[in-house]
Protein backbone atom coordinates (compact mmCIF):
# COMPACT_ATOMS: atom_id res chain seq x y z
CA MET A 1 16.45 16.41 -30.09
CA THR A 2 18.47 15.08 -27.35
CA ARG A 3 18.74 11.40 -27.16
CA THR A 4 18.01 11.16 -23.20
CA PHE A 5 15.45 12.24 -21.22
CA PRO A 6 16.62 15.53 -19.90
CA PHE A 7 14.12 16.76 -16.88
CA VAL A 8 14.20 15.72 -12.87
CA PRO A 9 11.14 15.14 -10.71
CA GLY A 10 9.89 18.27 -9.75
CA GLN A 11 10.64 20.25 -12.39
CA GLU A 12 8.62 22.91 -14.25
CA VAL A 13 8.22 22.81 -18.11
CA THR A 14 5.80 23.58 -20.62
CA LYS A 15 4.52 21.18 -22.79
CA SER A 16 5.84 22.60 -25.60
CA ALA A 17 9.30 22.60 -24.23
CA VAL A 18 9.07 19.06 -23.62
CA HIS A 19 8.23 18.36 -27.15
CA GLN A 20 10.89 20.14 -28.38
CA ALA A 21 13.45 18.33 -25.98
CA VAL A 22 12.59 14.81 -26.64
CA GLY A 23 9.74 14.68 -29.62
CA GLY A 24 5.95 13.42 -29.70
CA SER A 25 3.14 15.18 -30.51
CA ASP A 26 2.16 18.65 -29.16
CA GLN A 27 -1.53 17.90 -29.83
CA HIS A 28 -2.13 14.81 -27.52
CA ALA A 29 -1.67 14.08 -23.98
CA MET A 30 -0.61 10.43 -24.19
CA ASN A 31 2.10 9.87 -26.99
CA SER A 32 5.54 8.64 -27.40
CA CYS A 33 8.94 10.51 -27.62
CA LEU A 34 12.71 9.78 -28.24
CA SER A 35 11.96 7.70 -31.11
CA ARG A 36 9.51 5.43 -29.48
CA THR A 37 12.17 4.11 -27.08
CA ALA A 38 9.72 6.17 -24.27
CA PHE A 39 6.24 7.44 -23.46
CA LEU A 40 4.88 10.73 -22.35
CA ILE A 41 1.74 11.16 -19.99
CA PHE A 42 0.33 14.96 -19.34
CA TYR A 43 -2.37 15.08 -16.75
CA ASP A 44 -4.70 18.61 -16.62
CA PRO A 45 -7.51 18.25 -14.27
CA LYS A 46 -8.74 21.34 -15.25
CA ALA A 47 -9.06 20.68 -18.93
CA GLY A 48 -10.22 16.87 -18.26
CA ARG A 49 -13.20 17.85 -16.51
CA LYS A 50 -15.27 18.62 -19.73
CA PHE A 51 -14.73 15.31 -21.10
CA GLY A 52 -15.39 13.27 -17.62
CA TYR A 53 -11.91 12.47 -17.23
CA ASP A 54 -12.36 13.65 -13.43
CA MET A 55 -14.61 11.38 -12.37
CA TRP A 56 -11.79 8.49 -11.84
CA GLU A 57 -8.89 10.16 -12.06
CA GLY A 58 -6.28 11.54 -9.06
CA GLU A 59 -3.75 9.97 -6.43
CA GLN A 60 -5.63 7.36 -4.63
CA ALA A 61 -5.00 6.25 -1.04
CA ASP A 62 -2.75 3.65 -1.99
CA GLY A 63 -0.06 6.06 -3.64
CA THR A 64 -1.01 4.84 -7.05
CA PHE A 65 -2.70 7.33 -9.62
CA SER A 66 -5.74 6.56 -11.64
CA TYR A 67 -5.43 7.99 -15.29
CA THR A 68 -8.28 8.18 -18.04
CA GLY A 69 -7.28 7.25 -21.75
CA GLN A 70 -7.93 9.21 -24.69
CA GLY A 71 -11.26 9.53 -26.29
CA VAL A 72 -13.48 12.50 -25.51
CA LYS A 73 -16.65 11.41 -27.26
CA GLY A 74 -18.06 7.89 -27.16
CA ASP A 75 -16.77 4.47 -25.71
CA GLN A 76 -12.85 4.73 -25.26
CA ARG A 77 -11.13 1.83 -27.29
CA MET A 78 -7.87 0.11 -26.66
CA ARG A 79 -6.12 1.67 -29.86
CA GLY A 80 -4.23 4.90 -30.43
CA PRO A 81 -2.57 6.57 -27.41
CA ASN A 82 -4.13 3.98 -25.30
CA LEU A 83 -2.71 0.89 -26.79
CA GLY A 84 0.45 2.60 -27.28
CA LEU A 85 0.53 3.08 -23.34
CA VAL A 86 0.00 -0.48 -22.93
CA ARG A 87 2.73 -1.34 -25.40
CA ALA A 88 5.20 0.83 -23.87
CA ALA A 89 4.60 -0.82 -20.35
CA GLN A 90 4.86 -4.43 -21.88
CA GLN A 91 8.09 -3.35 -23.97
CA ASN A 92 9.54 -1.90 -20.30
CA SER A 93 9.68 1.40 -22.17
CA PRO A 94 10.35 4.41 -19.60
CA ILE A 95 6.91 6.43 -18.91
CA HIS A 96 7.49 9.62 -17.95
CA PHE A 97 4.22 11.53 -15.82
CA PHE A 98 3.73 15.40 -16.15
CA ARG A 99 0.99 17.31 -14.48
CA ARG A 100 -0.74 20.68 -13.85
CA PRO A 101 -2.37 21.50 -10.48
CA GLU A 102 -5.73 20.80 -9.29
CA PRO A 103 -8.52 23.63 -9.97
CA GLY A 104 -8.12 25.89 -7.44
CA VAL A 105 -4.23 26.06 -6.85
CA LYS A 106 -2.50 29.08 -8.23
CA ARG A 107 -0.87 28.18 -11.61
CA LEU A 108 2.81 29.29 -12.59
CA LYS A 109 3.08 32.06 -15.35
CA GLY A 110 3.05 30.34 -18.64
CA ASN A 111 0.73 27.33 -16.98
CA PRO A 112 3.65 24.58 -17.07
CA TYR A 113 3.38 20.92 -15.91
CA THR A 114 5.16 19.78 -13.10
CA TYR A 115 7.22 16.52 -14.21
CA VAL A 116 6.38 14.11 -11.39
CA GLY A 117 8.57 10.96 -12.68
CA ARG A 118 8.55 7.73 -14.01
CA VAL A 119 5.86 5.64 -13.66
CA ILE A 120 4.78 1.82 -14.48
CA LEU A 121 1.48 0.54 -14.93
CA GLY A 122 0.35 -2.08 -11.86
CA GLU A 123 -1.77 -4.78 -11.79
CA PRO A 124 -3.88 -4.54 -13.69
CA MET A 125 -2.79 -2.39 -16.08
CA PHE A 126 -6.23 -0.62 -16.52
CA ARG A 127 -10.01 -1.05 -15.96
CA GLU A 128 -12.93 -0.07 -17.66
CA GLU A 129 -15.54 2.74 -15.67
CA VAL A 130 -18.43 4.78 -17.09
CA ALA A 131 -17.98 8.65 -17.25
CA PRO A 132 -19.88 10.84 -19.55
CA ASP A 133 -18.27 12.07 -22.78
CA GLU A 134 -18.19 15.89 -24.00
CA ASP A 135 -21.73 15.72 -24.98
CA GLY A 136 -22.75 14.59 -21.08
CA ARG A 137 -23.39 10.73 -22.45
CA ASN A 138 -22.24 8.11 -20.22
CA ARG A 139 -19.67 5.68 -22.17
CA LYS A 140 -16.71 3.32 -21.19
CA VAL A 141 -13.70 4.71 -20.34
CA LEU A 142 -10.01 3.25 -20.08
CA VAL A 143 -8.65 3.76 -16.46
CA PHE A 144 -4.89 3.10 -16.12
CA ASN A 145 -3.35 2.18 -12.96
CA LEU A 146 0.05 4.45 -12.64
CA VAL A 147 2.44 3.32 -10.23
CA PRO A 148 5.36 5.57 -8.80
CA ILE A 149 9.11 4.80 -9.39
CA ASP A 150 10.75 8.14 -8.82
CA LEU A 151 8.89 11.09 -8.22
CA ALA A 152 8.62 14.54 -6.49
CA ASP A 153 4.72 14.12 -5.44
CA PHE A 154 2.19 13.17 -7.28
CA VAL A 155 0.04 16.01 -6.27
CA VAL A 156 0.77 19.72 -6.66
CA LYS A 157 -0.49 21.13 -3.52
CA SER A 158 -1.84 24.79 -2.61
CA GLN A 159 0.40 26.85 -0.21
CA GLY A 160 -0.78 26.16 3.52
CA SER A 161 -2.31 22.90 2.66
CA ASP A 162 -2.75 20.49 5.37
CA ALA A 163 -0.35 17.15 4.88
CA GLY A 164 -1.44 15.92 8.19
CA ALA A 165 -5.17 15.85 7.65
CA ILE A 166 -6.04 12.27 7.97
CA ARG A 167 -9.52 10.98 8.52
CA CYS A 168 -10.50 7.86 9.90
CA GLU A 169 -14.28 6.76 9.54
CA PHE A 170 -15.29 3.81 11.33
CA ARG A 171 -18.25 1.44 10.63
CA SER A 172 -19.22 -2.12 10.73
CA SER A 173 -17.35 -4.81 9.02
CA PRO A 174 -19.74 -6.22 6.39
CA GLU A 175 -20.26 -9.91 5.88
CA LEU A 176 -18.45 -11.12 2.56
CA PRO A 177 -19.30 -13.19 -0.65
CA GLU A 178 -18.06 -16.42 -0.16
CA VAL A 179 -18.91 -17.80 -3.62
CA ALA A 180 -17.80 -16.38 -7.34
CA GLN A 181 -21.14 -14.79 -8.86
CA PRO A 182 -20.21 -14.12 -12.21
CA GLY A 183 -21.75 -11.36 -13.98
CA VAL A 184 -22.84 -9.29 -10.79
CA ALA A 185 -19.69 -7.94 -10.41
CA SER A 186 -17.17 -6.26 -12.60
CA ARG A 187 -14.25 -8.34 -11.17
CA VAL A 188 -14.62 -12.25 -10.28
CA PRO A 189 -13.01 -12.78 -6.99
CA THR A 190 -10.10 -15.56 -6.92
CA ALA A 191 -10.05 -18.69 -4.97
CA THR A 192 -7.71 -17.10 -2.49
CA GLU A 193 -9.97 -14.12 -1.90
CA LEU A 194 -12.78 -16.15 -1.53
CA GLU A 195 -11.25 -18.17 1.18
CA GLU A 196 -9.74 -15.19 2.85
CA ASN A 197 -13.85 -14.13 2.69
CA LYS A 198 -14.82 -17.60 4.54
CA LEU A 199 -12.13 -16.68 7.07
CA GLN A 200 -13.47 -13.16 7.97
CA ASN A 201 -16.72 -14.17 8.13
CA ARG A 202 -15.98 -16.80 10.59
CA PHE A 203 -14.12 -14.55 12.72
CA ARG A 204 -16.63 -12.15 12.40
CA LYS A 205 -19.34 -14.55 13.68
CA TYR A 206 -16.98 -15.63 16.23
CA ARG A 207 -16.18 -12.24 17.87
CA SER A 208 -20.18 -11.15 17.47
CA ASP A 209 -21.35 -14.43 19.09
CA ARG A 210 -19.18 -13.13 22.26
CA GLY A 211 -20.83 -9.66 22.44
CA GLU A 212 -18.42 -7.93 20.27
CA THR A 213 -19.05 -6.36 16.91
CA PRO A 214 -15.98 -6.63 14.59
CA GLU A 215 -15.52 -3.07 12.97
CA THR A 216 -13.29 -1.74 9.79
CA VAL A 217 -12.32 1.87 9.39
CA ASP A 218 -11.75 3.77 6.46
CA ILE A 219 -8.45 5.60 6.58
CA ARG A 220 -8.58 8.76 3.99
CA LEU A 221 -5.16 10.48 3.26
CA PRO A 222 -5.38 13.98 2.20
CA ASN A 223 -5.16 14.90 -1.66
CA ALA A 224 -6.04 11.29 -2.55
CA LYS A 225 -9.07 9.37 -3.42
CA GLY A 226 -10.57 6.25 -1.82
CA SER A 227 -8.99 4.88 1.19
CA VAL A 228 -7.17 1.99 2.93
CA ARG A 229 -8.74 -0.27 4.84
CA PRO A 230 -8.15 -2.75 7.35
CA ASP A 231 -10.09 -5.93 7.56
CA PHE A 232 -10.80 -5.75 11.26
CA ILE A 233 -10.56 -3.26 14.39
CA LEU A 234 -11.54 -4.44 17.69
CA ARG A 235 -12.21 -1.41 20.16
CA GLU A 236 -12.14 -3.51 23.24
CA ARG A 237 -9.00 -5.02 22.58
CA GLY A 238 -7.38 -2.05 20.92
CA ILE A 239 -6.20 -4.18 18.04
CA VAL A 240 -5.81 -3.39 14.28
CA ILE A 241 -6.00 -6.61 12.29
CA GLU A 242 -5.32 -7.53 8.69
CA VAL A 243 -6.29 -11.28 7.66
CA LYS A 244 -4.61 -13.68 5.07
CA PRO A 245 -6.12 -16.61 4.13
CA THR A 246 -2.79 -18.77 4.18
CA ILE A 247 -0.04 -19.61 6.35
CA SER A 248 2.67 -18.74 3.21
CA ARG A 249 5.55 -16.96 3.95
CA GLU A 250 4.15 -14.46 1.00
CA HIS A 251 1.07 -13.51 3.00
CA VAL A 252 2.76 -13.48 6.36
CA ARG A 253 5.24 -10.86 5.14
CA LEU A 254 2.49 -8.90 3.06
CA ALA A 255 0.29 -9.07 6.07
CA ILE A 256 3.29 -7.84 8.07
CA GLY A 257 4.01 -4.71 6.15
CA GLN A 258 0.24 -3.85 5.50
CA VAL A 259 -1.01 -4.00 9.45
CA LEU A 260 2.15 -1.83 10.49
CA ASP A 261 1.16 0.37 7.90
CA TYR A 262 -2.70 1.14 9.36
CA ALA A 263 -1.40 1.06 13.01
CA HIS A 264 1.18 3.62 12.16
CA LEU A 265 -1.76 5.81 10.27
CA LEU A 266 -4.44 5.57 13.06
CA LYS A 267 -1.63 6.63 15.41
CA LEU A 268 -1.06 9.61 13.17
CA ASP A 269 -4.75 10.83 13.50
CA GLY A 270 -4.61 10.22 17.36
CA LYS A 271 -6.02 6.74 17.49
CA ASN A 272 -3.52 3.84 19.15
CA PHE A 273 -4.31 0.27 17.98
CA ASP A 274 -2.00 -2.29 18.34
CA PRO A 275 -1.17 -4.64 15.27
CA ALA A 276 -2.72 -7.89 14.52
CA ILE A 277 -2.22 -10.60 11.78
CA LEU A 278 -5.39 -13.43 11.34
CA LEU A 279 -4.47 -16.51 10.22
CA PRO A 280 -5.94 -19.89 9.55
CA ALA A 281 -3.36 -22.04 11.31
CA LYS A 282 0.08 -21.26 13.09
CA PRO A 283 2.56 -20.17 10.60
CA LYS A 284 6.51 -21.74 10.74
CA ALA A 285 8.43 -20.58 13.54
CA ASP A 286 10.22 -18.12 12.12
CA LEU A 287 7.42 -16.16 11.07
CA VAL A 288 6.31 -16.37 14.25
CA SER A 289 9.69 -14.71 15.60
CA LEU A 290 9.49 -12.04 12.75
CA ALA A 291 6.01 -10.87 13.82
CA GLU A 292 6.68 -10.88 17.54
CA SER A 293 10.08 -9.08 16.82
CA VAL A 294 7.83 -5.93 15.54
CA GLY A 295 5.02 -5.97 18.02
CA ILE A 296 2.57 -7.80 15.68
CA GLY A 297 0.07 -10.01 17.54
CA LEU A 298 -1.17 -13.21 15.88
CA ILE A 299 -5.09 -14.49 15.88
CA ILE A 300 -4.77 -18.40 15.06
CA GLU A 301 -7.92 -20.24 14.13
CA ARG A 302 -8.63 -23.20 16.23
CA PRO A 303 -11.52 -25.37 14.37
CA PRO A 304 -14.06 -26.03 14.54
CA SER A 305 -14.90 -22.81 15.87
CA GLU A 306 -12.37 -21.32 18.08
CA PHE A 307 -9.84 -18.15 17.67
CA GLN A 308 -6.54 -18.09 20.00
CA PHE A 309 -5.28 -14.60 20.47
CA VAL A 310 -1.06 -15.40 20.84
């Protein structure tokens, strides 16, 4: 057994060959290797379907990968390989991700896995969802949030797949909750999120009172589950908007990256919208200059009930 990890992203290799090289159990899809200094994750969508794993698994629109934990019957628990993965992340041990192609994609002789690359666990590391077990009974499953570090591609594509097939689905922008309601949702919004919701609701009312109904758009990427979604689309003005609840440097910089991404994805689908950021006040001059330098407009709230397009 080698003391270093010998595989490179994109390499095709059988599971038994991986374990022969770095150790670990060939009986499980999640286990430690290299004398417990690294961790292995194997993803086989075809094999996981009968255990309900496919309900939540797969590449997400934000570039992460949702991976269902181990346990084929009854509620999955934080023990065994599931706990091993969390501990590997907490100890900053390398986590190596291998996958087989989706059903319908031709598999190579020997049915090897593709080494995708290293991943880390995102924030949160995992969430609880409901999925059927091998007997068809609903149970709790642990869905881990894998974030790529160095990879070839999360998705093993079929030949002739259309890598540019972005789909945009426009819809009305919904009213958002302004008060936390514990027990109603699986996750209670933070104070920052609620403050952003309030700002969005005020802006939505402001535009609606002036005869323009703010929309949003679900941007669906090829070979990915879910969507990425900007906070607002104003079709009459031709702008896509990202909202942030404060004028902190962290929030302004984050908004710049997000809204440029939205505008770029919309353009790839043939829809041209200028990027803009909605803030509760005017940020510092250097941040205003930063936004202007990359072609981003600002929308500033002017209490009690006005918004200024800068």
